[in-house]
Amino acid sequence: MTTIQVFDPAMCCSSGVCGADVDEAVVAFAADFAWAREAGARIERFNLAQQPTAFAANTAVAGFLQRSGSQALPLILVDGEVALAGRYPKRDELARWAGLAAAPAPAAAGGCCSGGRCC
């Protein structure tokens, strides 16, 4: 089974969905992460502030941080290989990497209209 590892920048909590100024991309990814895990994906998430040894122990991640710095996080590995850096994956990317049937992303706050189409 495929393993997906997400290496987050330093955040105040493990999910990144805390504090007064929450990044909407982190909120969306937290929902997609939970969906993937519930659907059976083998997916892990590491926070630089809370789990720095996970970053140092992985040669691909340590090398990435030396070259690009922590401002280039998040870094996503699929079976130990870099799959994505600098942004969080979308639900369809997680599904493809994990071999799951894609599920629709949750509706955005404020309605289900997007891309000029409404439900």
Protein backbone atom coordinates (compact mmCIF):
# COMPACT_ATOMS: atom_id res chain seq x y z
CA MET A 1 0.00 0.00 0.00
CA THR A 2 1.18 3.50 -0.84
CA THR A 3 2.37 5.73 2.00
CA ILE A 4 1.78 9.49 1.86
CA GLN A 5 3.77 11.71 4.22
CA VAL A 6 3.03 15.40 4.69
CA PHE A 7 5.74 17.59 6.21
CA ASP A 8 4.12 20.80 7.43
CA PRO A 9 5.82 24.07 8.28
CA ALA A 10 5.98 25.01 11.96
CA MET A 11 2.42 25.50 13.22
CA CYS A 12 0.98 26.04 16.68
CA CYS A 13 -0.93 22.74 16.66
CA SER A 14 -0.74 19.43 14.83
CA SER A 15 -3.56 20.23 12.37
CA GLY A 16 -2.70 23.88 11.77
CA VAL A 17 -6.36 24.73 12.27
CA CYS A 18 -5.98 26.83 15.38
CA GLY A 19 -5.25 30.37 16.46
CA ALA A 20 -6.84 33.62 15.40
CA ASP A 21 -5.55 33.78 11.81
CA VAL A 22 -6.21 30.39 10.19
CA ASP A 23 -5.06 29.81 6.59
CA GLU A 24 -8.02 28.55 4.51
CA ALA A 25 -5.71 26.25 2.52
CA VAL A 26 -4.74 24.52 5.77
CA VAL A 27 -8.41 24.19 6.75
CA ALA A 28 -9.26 22.62 3.38
CA PHE A 29 -6.31 20.26 3.59
CA ALA A 30 -7.24 19.19 7.14
CA ALA A 31 -10.64 18.09 5.79
CA ASP A 32 -9.04 16.31 2.81
CA PHE A 33 -6.49 14.61 5.08
CA ALA A 34 -9.28 13.34 7.36
CA TRP A 35 -11.26 12.14 4.32
CA ALA A 36 -8.24 10.23 2.94
CA ARG A 37 -7.49 8.62 6.29
CA GLU A 38 -11.13 7.59 6.77
CA ALA A 39 -11.17 6.16 3.22
CA GLY A 40 -8.26 3.88 4.11
CA ALA A 41 -5.23 5.82 2.90
CA ARG A 42 -1.95 5.31 4.70
CA ILE A 43 -1.22 8.98 5.35
CA GLU A 44 0.91 10.70 7.99
CA ARG A 45 1.42 14.33 8.88
CA PHE A 46 4.43 15.89 10.60
CA ASN A 47 4.68 19.42 12.05
CA LEU A 48 8.14 21.02 12.05
CA ALA A 49 7.49 22.74 15.41
CA GLN A 50 6.29 19.58 17.16
CA GLN A 51 8.20 16.77 15.39
CA PRO A 52 11.55 18.16 14.19
CA THR A 53 13.26 14.76 14.49
CA ALA A 54 10.94 13.35 11.78
CA PHE A 55 12.31 16.03 9.42
CA ALA A 56 15.94 15.40 10.37
CA ALA A 57 15.62 11.60 10.21
CA ASN A 58 14.31 11.56 6.62
CA THR A 59 17.15 12.19 4.16
CA ALA A 60 14.82 13.44 1.39
CA VAL A 61 13.21 15.96 3.75
CA ALA A 62 16.48 17.05 5.35
CA GLY A 63 18.03 17.63 1.92
CA PHE A 64 14.96 19.55 0.76
CA LEU A 65 15.15 21.81 3.83
CA GLN A 66 18.87 22.45 3.25
CA ARG A 67 18.24 23.42 -0.38
CA SER A 68 14.94 25.27 -0.10
CA GLY A 69 14.43 26.20 3.54
CA SER A 70 11.34 25.82 5.69
CA GLN A 71 9.50 28.56 3.76
CA ALA A 72 9.16 26.02 0.89
CA LEU A 73 7.05 23.68 3.05
CA PRO A 74 4.72 21.82 2.95
CA LEU A 75 6.52 18.89 1.36
CA ILE A 76 4.59 15.78 0.35
CA LEU A 77 6.30 12.43 -0.15
CA VAL A 78 4.65 9.42 -1.78
CA ASP A 79 6.48 6.20 -0.98
CA GLY A 80 9.51 8.26 0.02
CA GLU A 81 9.67 10.28 -3.23
CA VAL A 82 8.89 13.99 -3.50
CA ALA A 83 5.45 14.37 -5.04
CA LEU A 84 4.65 18.00 -4.24
CA ALA A 85 6.18 21.01 -2.50
CA GLY A 86 5.07 24.51 -1.64
CA ARG A 87 1.33 23.83 -1.42
CA TYR A 88 -1.05 21.29 0.01
CA PRO A 89 -2.44 18.61 -2.30
CA LYS A 90 -6.05 18.65 -3.40
CA ARG A 91 -8.40 15.80 -2.56
CA ASP A 92 -8.16 14.35 -6.07
CA GLU A 93 -4.35 14.23 -5.80
CA LEU A 94 -4.55 12.41 -2.47
CA ALA A 95 -7.05 9.98 -3.98
CA ARG A 96 -4.82 9.29 -7.00
CA TRP A 97 -1.70 8.75 -4.90
CA ALA A 98 -3.53 6.49 -2.45
CA GLY A 99 -5.43 4.57 -5.11
CA LEU A 100 -8.81 5.70 -3.76
CA ALA A 101 -11.97 6.55 -5.65
CA ALA A 102 -12.14 10.33 -5.78
CA ALA A 103 -14.84 11.95 -3.70
CA PRO A 104 -16.18 15.44 -4.21
CA ALA A 105 -14.50 18.10 -2.14
CA PRO A 106 -16.66 19.65 0.56
CA ALA A 107 -18.65 22.72 -0.49
CA ALA A 108 -16.95 25.99 0.25
CA ALA A 109 -18.33 28.09 3.04
CA GLY A 110 -20.98 30.41 1.71
CA GLY A 111 -22.55 28.09 -0.84
CA CYS A 112 -21.96 25.40 -3.39
CA CYS A 113 -21.44 27.63 -6.41
CA SER A 114 -18.02 27.53 -7.99
CA GLY A 115 -16.48 27.91 -11.38
CA GLY A 116 -19.65 29.50 -12.73
CA ARG A 117 -21.76 26.44 -11.89
CA CYS A 118 -24.30 26.18 -9.12
CA CYS A 119 -26.05 23.19 -7.66
